[in-house]
Amino acid sequence: NDIITIQHYPGRTSVILDNTGKLIQFTIETFTFTSSLVFNVGQSINSVVGVEINGLAEKEGVGYDITGSKQISLLGTPVVGSKIMISYLY
């Protein structure tokens, strides 16, 4: 009964453009949880592709929220040392 979500971003020659022709890029940033539930990424978030804690996907509004143009906040507290992976379009 697993739910699998497939996201597809069509592009030409590995380039993704939005509806206005603006270039959209993809990146993955990783963090190690220490005590802060807020993670600041390097670019302004256009769309979050995924947030994972120790390889387990989190759902927006349940496991995390986008709280700023460059900020993701976790809604639960993982174990110290947990690996946080944020993949997003910018």
PDB file of N, CA and C in Angstrom:
ATOM      1  N   ASN A   1       0.810  -1.209   0.000  1.00  0.00           N
ATOM      2  CA  ASN A   1       0.000   0.000   0.000  1.00  0.00           C
ATOM      3  C   ASN A   1       0.848   1.264   0.000  1.00  0.00           C
ATOM      4  N   ASP A   2       2.074   1.175  -0.486  1.00  0.00           N
ATOM      5  CA  ASP A   2       2.922   2.354  -0.563  1.00  0.00           C
ATOM      6  C   ASP A   2       2.395   3.310  -1.628  1.00  0.00           C
ATOM      7  N   ILE A   3       2.588   4.587  -1.401  1.00  0.00           N
ATOM      8  CA  ILE A   3       2.245   5.605  -2.388  1.00  0.00           C
ATOM      9  C   ILE A   3       3.549   6.110  -2.985  1.00  0.00           C
ATOM     10  N   ILE A   4       3.646   6.048  -4.293  1.00  0.00           N
ATOM     11  CA  ILE A   4       4.832   6.508  -4.995  1.00  0.00           C
ATOM     12  C   ILE A   4       4.457   7.745  -5.793  1.00  0.00           C
ATOM     13  N   THR A   5       5.225   8.818  -5.605  1.00  0.00           N
ATOM     14  CA  THR A   5       4.988  10.059  -6.327  1.00  0.00           C
ATOM     15  C   THR A   5       6.116  10.250  -7.331  1.00  0.00           C
ATOM     16  N   ILE A   6       5.750  10.479  -8.565  1.00  0.00           N
ATOM     17  CA  ILE A   6       6.735  10.751  -9.611  1.00  0.00           C
ATOM     18  C   ILE A   6       6.542  12.189 -10.053  1.00  0.00           C
ATOM     19  N   GLN A   7       7.618  12.976  -9.959  1.00  0.00           N
ATOM     20  CA  GLN A   7       7.570  14.356 -10.415  1.00  0.00           C
ATOM     21  C   GLN A   7       8.417  14.463 -11.669  1.00  0.00           C
ATOM     22  N   HIS A   8       7.860  15.100 -12.673  1.00  0.00           N
ATOM     23  CA  HIS A   8       8.551  15.222 -13.955  1.00  0.00           C
ATOM     24  C   HIS A   8       8.613  16.691 -14.325  1.00  0.00           C
ATOM     25  N   TYR A   9       9.813  17.166 -14.611  1.00  0.00           N
ATOM     26  CA  TYR A   9      10.007  18.545 -15.030  1.00  0.00           C
ATOM     27  C   TYR A   9      10.591  18.522 -16.434  1.00  0.00           C
ATOM     28  N   PRO A  10       9.744  18.735 -17.454  1.00  0.00           N
ATOM     29  CA  PRO A  10      10.244  18.650 -18.824  1.00  0.00           C
ATOM     30  C   PRO A  10      11.234  19.773 -19.130  1.00  0.00           C
ATOM     31  N   GLY A  11      12.219  19.449 -19.897  1.00  0.00           N
ATOM     32  CA  GLY A  11      13.196  20.449 -20.288  1.00  0.00           C
ATOM     33  C   GLY A  11      13.825  20.068 -21.617  1.00  0.00           C
ATOM     34  N   ARG A  12      14.604  20.973 -22.133  1.00  0.00           N
ATOM     35  CA  ARG A  12      15.317  20.712 -23.379  1.00  0.00           C
ATOM     36  C   ARG A  12      16.800  20.779 -23.083  1.00  0.00           C
ATOM     37  N   THR A  13      17.525  19.788 -23.515  1.00  0.00           N
ATOM     38  CA  THR A  13      18.978  19.712 -23.322  1.00  0.00           C
ATOM     39  C   THR A  13      19.361  19.964 -21.864  1.00  0.00           C
ATOM     40  N   SER A  14      18.674  19.314 -20.953  1.00  0.00           N
ATOM     41  CA  SER A  14      18.935  19.407 -19.517  1.00  0.00           C
ATOM     42  C   SER A  14      18.691  20.790 -18.938  1.00  0.00           C
ATOM     43  N   VAL A  15      17.946  21.614 -19.628  1.00  0.00           N
ATOM     44  CA  VAL A  15      17.603  22.944 -19.147  1.00  0.00           C
ATOM     45  C   VAL A  15      16.102  22.974 -18.885  1.00  0.00           C
ATOM     46  N   ILE A  16      15.726  23.489 -17.722  1.00  0.00           N
ATOM     47  CA  ILE A  16      14.315  23.595 -17.378  1.00  0.00           C
ATOM     48  C   ILE A  16      13.943  25.073 -17.388  1.00  0.00           C
ATOM     49  N   LEU A  17      12.862  25.395 -18.074  1.00  0.00           N
ATOM     50  CA  LEU A  17      12.369  26.766 -18.137  1.00  0.00           C
ATOM     51  C   LEU A  17      10.956  26.817 -17.561  1.00  0.00           C
ATOM     52  N   ASP A  18      10.639  27.916 -16.846  1.00  0.00           N
ATOM     53  CA  ASP A  18       9.281  28.054 -16.344  1.00  0.00           C
ATOM     54  C   ASP A  18       8.380  28.603 -17.452  1.00  0.00           C
ATOM     55  N   ASN A  19       7.136  28.918 -17.126  1.00  0.00           N
ATOM     56  CA  ASN A  19       6.162  29.377 -18.133  1.00  0.00           C
ATOM     57  C   ASN A  19       6.554  30.695 -18.785  1.00  0.00           C
ATOM     58  N   THR A  20       7.412  31.480 -18.122  1.00  0.00           N
ATOM     59  CA  THR A  20       7.818  32.765 -18.680  1.00  0.00           C
ATOM     60  C   THR A  20       9.161  32.677 -19.406  1.00  0.00           C
ATOM     61  N   GLY A  21       9.765  31.491 -19.457  1.00  0.00           N
ATOM     62  CA  GLY A  21      11.048  31.311 -20.119  1.00  0.00           C
ATOM     63  C   GLY A  21      12.242  31.492 -19.202  1.00  0.00           C
ATOM     64  N   LYS A  22      11.992  31.701 -17.885  1.00  0.00           N
ATOM     65  CA  LYS A  22      13.078  31.866 -16.916  1.00  0.00           C
ATOM     66  C   LYS A  22      13.723  30.511 -16.630  1.00  0.00           C
ATOM     67  N   LEU A  23      15.055  30.486 -16.590  1.00  0.00           N
ATOM     68  CA  LEU A  23      15.810  29.285 -16.306  1.00  0.00           C
ATOM     69  C   LEU A  23      15.571  28.835 -14.862  1.00  0.00           C
ATOM     70  N   ILE A  24      15.284  27.559 -14.684  1.00  0.00           N
ATOM     71  CA  ILE A  24      15.115  26.972 -13.355  1.00  0.00           C
ATOM     72  C   ILE A  24      16.207  25.918 -13.190  1.00  0.00           C
ATOM     73  N   GLN A  25      16.857  25.941 -12.036  1.00  0.00           N
ATOM     74  CA  GLN A  25      17.920  24.986 -11.777  1.00  0.00           C
ATOM     75  C   GLN A  25      17.562  24.118 -10.574  1.00  0.00           C
ATOM     76  N   PHE A  26      18.207  22.951 -10.486  1.00  0.00           N
ATOM     77  CA  PHE A  26      17.960  21.978  -9.429  1.00  0.00           C
ATOM     78  C   PHE A  26      19.205  21.835  -8.569  1.00  0.00           C
ATOM     79  N   THR A  27      19.011  21.720  -7.266  1.00  0.00           N
ATOM     80  CA  THR A  27      20.139  21.469  -6.375  1.00  0.00           C
ATOM     81  C   THR A  27      19.685  20.631  -5.187  1.00  0.00           C
ATOM     82  N   ILE A  28      20.651  19.976  -4.564  1.00  0.00           N
ATOM     83  CA  ILE A  28      20.431  19.213  -3.339  1.00  0.00           C
ATOM     84  C   ILE A  28      21.412  19.736  -2.303  1.00  0.00           C
ATOM     85  N   GLU A  29      20.891  20.062  -1.119  1.00  0.00           N
ATOM     86  CA  GLU A  29      21.748  20.486  -0.020  1.00  0.00           C
ATOM     87  C   GLU A  29      21.537  19.528   1.147  1.00  0.00           C
ATOM     88  N   THR A  30      22.618  19.204   1.829  1.00  0.00           N
ATOM     89  CA  THR A  30      22.528  18.298   2.963  1.00  0.00           C
ATOM     90  C   THR A  30      22.988  18.998   4.238  1.00  0.00           C
ATOM     91  N   PHE A  31      22.362  18.616   5.326  1.00  0.00           N
ATOM     92  CA  PHE A  31      22.653  19.185   6.631  1.00  0.00           C
ATOM     93  C   PHE A  31      22.693  18.060   7.655  1.00  0.00           C
ATOM     94  N   THR A  32      23.334  18.310   8.782  1.00  0.00           N
ATOM     95  CA  THR A  32      23.299  17.399   9.912  1.00  0.00           C
ATOM     96  C   THR A  32      22.537  18.096  11.026  1.00  0.00           C
ATOM     97  N   PHE A  33      21.511  17.431  11.552  1.00  0.00           N
ATOM     98  CA  PHE A  33      20.697  18.035  12.603  1.00  0.00           C
ATOM     99  C   PHE A  33      21.490  18.111  13.902  1.00  0.00           C
ATOM    100  N   THR A  34      21.539  19.323  14.467  1.00  0.00           N
ATOM    101  CA  THR A  34      22.185  19.522  15.764  1.00  0.00           C
ATOM    102  C   THR A  34      21.132  19.890  16.806  1.00  0.00           C
ATOM    103  N   SER A  35      20.457  21.020  16.591  1.00  0.00           N
ATOM    104  CA  SER A  35      19.392  21.422  17.516  1.00  0.00           C
ATOM    105  C   SER A  35      18.395  22.358  16.865  1.00  0.00           C
ATOM    106  N   SER A  36      18.795  23.047  15.810  1.00  0.00           N
ATOM    107  CA  SER A  36      17.912  24.006  15.153  1.00  0.00           C
ATOM    108  C   SER A  36      16.985  23.292  14.172  1.00  0.00           C
ATOM    109  N   LEU A  37      15.711  23.651  14.212  1.00  0.00           N
ATOM    110  CA  LEU A  37      14.726  23.074  13.294  1.00  0.00           C
ATOM    111  C   LEU A  37      14.626  23.872  11.999  1.00  0.00           C
ATOM    112  N   VAL A  38      15.399  24.954  11.869  1.00  0.00           N
ATOM    113  CA  VAL A  38      15.364  25.828  10.703  1.00  0.00           C
ATOM    114  C   VAL A  38      16.631  25.631   9.883  1.00  0.00           C
ATOM    115  N   PHE A  39      16.467  25.433   8.584  1.00  0.00           N
ATOM    116  CA  PHE A  39      17.593  25.221   7.674  1.00  0.00           C
ATOM    117  C   PHE A  39      17.543  26.271   6.577  1.00  0.00           C
ATOM    118  N   ASN A  40      18.641  26.996   6.420  1.00  0.00           N
ATOM    119  CA  ASN A  40      18.753  28.020   5.390  1.00  0.00           C
ATOM    120  C   ASN A  40      19.525  27.449   4.209  1.00  0.00           C
ATOM    121  N   VAL A  41      18.885  27.491   3.034  1.00  0.00           N
ATOM    122  CA  VAL A  41      19.515  26.983   1.822  1.00  0.00           C
ATOM    123  C   VAL A  41      20.186  28.124   1.072  1.00  0.00           C
ATOM    124  N   GLY A  42      20.975  27.790   0.081  1.00  0.00           N
ATOM    125  CA  GLY A  42      21.793  28.773  -0.610  1.00  0.00           C
ATOM    126  C   GLY A  42      21.083  29.620  -1.653  1.00  0.00           C
ATOM    127  N   GLN A  43      19.952  29.145  -2.176  1.00  0.00           N
ATOM    128  CA  GLN A  43      19.253  29.849  -3.249  1.00  0.00           C
ATOM    129  C   GLN A  43      17.788  30.071  -2.856  1.00  0.00           C
ATOM    130  N   SER A  44      17.136  31.018  -3.509  1.00  0.00           N
ATOM    131  CA  SER A  44      15.701  31.234  -3.275  1.00  0.00           C
ATOM    132  C   SER A  44      14.924  30.053  -3.842  1.00  0.00           C
ATOM    133  N   ILE A  45      14.065  29.478  -3.032  1.00  0.00           N
ATOM    134  CA  ILE A  45      13.326  28.274  -3.401  1.00  0.00           C
ATOM    135  C   ILE A  45      12.200  28.618  -4.371  1.00  0.00           C
ATOM    136  N   ASN A  46      12.215  27.964  -5.531  1.00  0.00           N
ATOM    137  CA  ASN A  46      11.108  28.072  -6.481  1.00  0.00           C
ATOM    138  C   ASN A  46      10.087  26.988  -6.172  1.00  0.00           C
ATOM    139  N   SER A  47      10.576  25.772  -5.928  1.00  0.00           N
ATOM    140  CA  SER A  47       9.722  24.630  -5.634  1.00  0.00           C
ATOM    141  C   SER A  47      10.551  23.558  -4.931  1.00  0.00           C
ATOM    142  N   VAL A  48      10.032  23.031  -3.825  1.00  0.00           N
ATOM    143  CA  VAL A  48      10.727  21.956  -3.126  1.00  0.00           C
ATOM    144  C   VAL A  48      10.400  20.646  -3.829  1.00  0.00           C
ATOM    145  N   VAL A  49      11.428  19.900  -4.193  1.00  0.00           N
ATOM    146  CA  VAL A  49      11.253  18.578  -4.794  1.00  0.00           C
ATOM    147  C   VAL A  49      11.097  17.550  -3.685  1.00  0.00           C
ATOM    148  N   GLY A  50      11.924  17.672  -2.624  1.00  0.00           N
ATOM    149  CA  GLY A  50      11.807  16.732  -1.524  1.00  0.00           C
ATOM    150  C   GLY A  50      12.638  17.134  -0.324  1.00  0.00           C
ATOM    151  N   VAL A  51      12.177  16.709   0.835  1.00  0.00           N
ATOM    152  CA  VAL A  51      12.930  16.845   2.084  1.00  0.00           C
ATOM    153  C   VAL A  51      12.983  15.449   2.691  1.00  0.00           C
ATOM    154  N   GLU A  52      14.190  14.998   3.025  1.00  0.00           N
ATOM    155  CA  GLU A  52      14.359  13.672   3.609  1.00  0.00           C
ATOM    156  C   GLU A  52      15.134  13.781   4.913  1.00  0.00           C
ATOM    157  N   ILE A  53      14.724  12.967   5.879  1.00  0.00           N
ATOM    158  CA  ILE A  53      15.451  12.840   7.136  1.00  0.00           C
ATOM    159  C   ILE A  53      15.921  11.390   7.221  1.00  0.00           C
ATOM    160  N   ASN A  54      17.230  11.204   7.203  1.00  0.00           N
ATOM    161  CA  ASN A  54      17.826   9.866   7.207  1.00  0.00           C
ATOM    162  C   ASN A  54      17.241   8.979   6.109  1.00  0.00           C
ATOM    163  N   GLY A  55      16.992   9.576   4.939  1.00  0.00           N
ATOM    164  CA  GLY A  55      16.510   8.825   3.788  1.00  0.00           C
ATOM    165  C   GLY A  55      15.004   8.648   3.718  1.00  0.00           C
ATOM    166  N   LEU A  56      14.275   9.119   4.718  1.00  0.00           N
ATOM    167  CA  LEU A  56      12.808   8.997   4.711  1.00  0.00           C
ATOM    168  C   LEU A  56      12.187  10.314   4.283  1.00  0.00           C
ATOM    169  N   ALA A  57      11.330  10.257   3.276  1.00  0.00           N
ATOM    170  CA  ALA A  57      10.711  11.455   2.723  1.00  0.00           C
ATOM    171  C   ALA A  57       9.730  12.070   3.706  1.00  0.00           C
ATOM    172  N   GLU A  58       9.757  13.394   3.773  1.00  0.00           N
ATOM    173  CA  GLU A  58       8.831  14.155   4.603  1.00  0.00           C
ATOM    174  C   GLU A  58       7.799  14.827   3.707  1.00  0.00           C
ATOM    175  N   LYS A  59       6.609  15.027   4.227  1.00  0.00           N
ATOM    176  CA  LYS A  59       5.531  15.660   3.473  1.00  0.00           C
ATOM    177  C   LYS A  59       5.393  17.113   3.919  1.00  0.00           C
ATOM    178  N   GLU A  60       5.259  18.013   2.937  1.00  0.00           N
ATOM    179  CA  GLU A  60       5.094  19.424   3.265  1.00  0.00           C
ATOM    180  C   GLU A  60       3.825  19.623   4.084  1.00  0.00           C
ATOM    181  N   GLY A  61       3.924  20.428   5.113  1.00  0.00           N
ATOM    182  CA  GLY A  61       2.789  20.695   5.992  1.00  0.00           C
ATOM    183  C   GLY A  61       2.661  19.686   7.126  1.00  0.00           C
ATOM    184  N   VAL A  62       3.362  18.564   7.004  1.00  0.00           N
ATOM    185  CA  VAL A  62       3.354  17.539   8.044  1.00  0.00           C
ATOM    186  C   VAL A  62       4.752  17.411   8.658  1.00  0.00           C
ATOM    187  N   GLY A  63       5.762  17.242   7.800  1.00  0.00           N
ATOM    188  CA  GLY A  63       7.136  17.073   8.262  1.00  0.00           C
ATOM    189  C   GLY A  63       7.970  18.339   8.168  1.00  0.00           C
ATOM    190  N   TYR A  64       7.571  19.244   7.280  1.00  0.00           N
ATOM    191  CA  TYR A  64       8.312  20.492   7.099  1.00  0.00           C
ATOM    192  C   TYR A  64       7.413  21.553   6.491  1.00  0.00           C
ATOM    193  N   ASP A  65       7.823  22.794   6.613  1.00  0.00           N
ATOM    194  CA  ASP A  65       7.173  23.923   5.949  1.00  0.00           C
ATOM    195  C   ASP A  65       8.244  24.796   5.322  1.00  0.00           C
ATOM    196  N   ILE A  66       7.877  25.488   4.266  1.00  0.00           N
ATOM    197  CA  ILE A  66       8.732  26.517   3.677  1.00  0.00           C
ATOM    198  C   ILE A  66       8.409  27.796   4.445  1.00  0.00           C
ATOM    199  N   THR A  67       9.376  28.316   5.199  1.00  0.00           N
ATOM    200  CA  THR A  67       9.112  29.452   6.076  1.00  0.00           C
ATOM    201  C   THR A  67       9.793  30.736   5.623  1.00  0.00           C
ATOM    202  N   GLY A  68      10.445  30.710   4.503  1.00  0.00           N
ATOM    203  CA  GLY A  68      11.090  31.889   3.941  1.00  0.00           C
ATOM    204  C   GLY A  68      11.541  31.563   2.539  1.00  0.00           C
ATOM    205  N   SER A  69      11.995  32.573   1.808  1.00  0.00           N
ATOM    206  CA  SER A  69      12.397  32.337   0.418  1.00  0.00           C
ATOM    207  C   SER A  69      13.596  31.388   0.327  1.00  0.00           C
ATOM    208  N   LYS A  70      14.388  31.315   1.409  1.00  0.00           N
ATOM    209  CA  LYS A  70      15.550  30.427   1.444  1.00  0.00           C
ATOM    210  C   LYS A  70      15.541  29.571   2.710  1.00  0.00           C
ATOM    211  N   GLN A  71      14.357  29.270   3.229  1.00  0.00           N
ATOM    212  CA  GLN A  71      14.299  28.631   4.541  1.00  0.00           C
ATOM    213  C   GLN A  71      13.261  27.515   4.620  1.00  0.00           C
ATOM    214  N   ILE A  72      13.683  26.389   5.194  1.00  0.00           N
ATOM    215  CA  ILE A  72      12.819  25.248   5.466  1.00  0.00           C
ATOM    216  C   ILE A  72      12.835  25.012   6.972  1.00  0.00           C
ATOM    217  N   SER A  73      11.662  24.812   7.571  1.00  0.00           N
ATOM    218  CA  SER A  73      11.571  24.502   8.997  1.00  0.00           C
ATOM    219  C   SER A  73      10.956  23.122   9.180  1.00  0.00           C
ATOM    220  N   LEU A  74      11.611  22.307   9.991  1.00  0.00           N
ATOM    221  CA  LEU A  74      11.061  20.993  10.306  1.00  0.00           C
ATOM    222  C   LEU A  74       9.953  21.154  11.335  1.00  0.00           C
ATOM    223  N   LEU A  75       8.928  20.326  11.235  1.00  0.00           N
ATOM    224  CA  LEU A  75       7.804  20.399  12.155  1.00  0.00           C
ATOM    225  C   LEU A  75       7.909  19.381  13.283  1.00  0.00           C
ATOM    226  N   GLY A  76       8.877  18.502  13.194  1.00  0.00           N
ATOM    227  CA  GLY A  76       9.159  17.538  14.251  1.00  0.00           C
ATOM    228  C   GLY A  76      10.635  17.613  14.581  1.00  0.00           C
ATOM    229  N   THR A  77      11.029  16.993  15.661  1.00  0.00           N
ATOM    230  CA  THR A  77      12.424  17.038  16.076  1.00  0.00           C
ATOM    231  C   THR A  77      13.088  15.684  15.832  1.00  0.00           C
ATOM    232  N   PRO A  78      13.999  15.624  14.867  1.00  0.00           N
ATOM    233  CA  PRO A  78      14.717  14.365  14.632  1.00  0.00           C
ATOM    234  C   PRO A  78      15.795  14.142  15.692  1.00  0.00           C
ATOM    235  N   VAL A  79      16.389  12.986  15.672  1.00  0.00           N
ATOM    236  CA  VAL A  79      17.489  12.639  16.577  1.00  0.00           C
ATOM    237  C   VAL A  79      18.719  13.463  16.183  1.00  0.00           C
ATOM    238  N   VAL A  80      19.444  13.953  17.168  1.00  0.00           N
ATOM    239  CA  VAL A  80      20.680  14.694  16.905  1.00  0.00           C
ATOM    240  C   VAL A  80      21.603  13.820  16.063  1.00  0.00           C
ATOM    241  N   GLY A  81      22.170  14.428  15.022  1.00  0.00           N
ATOM    242  CA  GLY A  81      23.042  13.705  14.103  1.00  0.00           C
ATOM    243  C   GLY A  81      22.330  13.197  12.858  1.00  0.00           C
ATOM    244  N   SER A  82      21.006  13.355  12.820  1.00  0.00           N
ATOM    245  CA  SER A  82      20.241  12.924  11.639  1.00  0.00           C
ATOM    246  C   SER A  82      20.684  13.706  10.417  1.00  0.00           C
ATOM    247  N   LYS A  83      20.664  13.040   9.263  1.00  0.00           N
ATOM    248  CA  LYS A  83      21.026  13.666   7.995  1.00  0.00           C
ATOM    249  C   LYS A  83      19.778  14.225   7.340  1.00  0.00           C
ATOM    250  N   ILE A  84      19.791  15.508   7.033  1.00  0.00           N
ATOM    251  CA  ILE A  84      18.674  16.193   6.389  1.00  0.00           C
ATOM    252  C   ILE A  84      19.088  16.497   4.959  1.00  0.00           C
ATOM    253  N   MET A  85      18.285  16.089   3.980  1.00  0.00           N
ATOM    254  CA  MET A  85      18.550  16.373   2.569  1.00  0.00           C
ATOM    255  C   MET A  85      17.382  17.174   2.016  1.00  0.00           C
ATOM    256  N   ILE A  86      17.697  18.331   1.455  1.00  0.00           N
ATOM    257  CA  ILE A  86      16.680  19.190   0.860  1.00  0.00           C
ATOM    258  C   ILE A  86      17.005  19.333  -0.625  1.00  0.00           C
ATOM    259  N   SER A  87      16.088  18.913  -1.484  1.00  0.00           N
ATOM    260  CA  SER A  87      16.266  19.077  -2.925  1.00  0.00           C
ATOM    261  C   SER A  87      15.183  20.037  -3.415  1.00  0.00           C
ATOM    262  N   TYR A  88      15.614  20.995  -4.228  1.00  0.00           N
ATOM    263  CA  TYR A  88      14.671  22.028  -4.650  1.00  0.00           C
ATOM    264  C   TYR A  88      15.080  22.650  -5.986  1.00  0.00           C
ATOM    265  N   LEU A  89      14.112  23.299  -6.582  1.00  0.00           N
ATOM    266  CA  LEU A  89      14.340  24.067  -7.807  1.00  0.00           C
ATOM    267  C   LEU A  89      14.508  25.534  -7.398  1.00  0.00           C
ATOM    268  N   TYR A  90      15.382  26.217  -8.095  1.00  0.00           N
ATOM    269  CA  TYR A  90      15.570  27.655  -7.831  1.00  0.00           C
ATOM    270  C   TYR A  90      15.742  28.415  -9.106  1.00  0.00           C
TER     271      TYR A  90
END
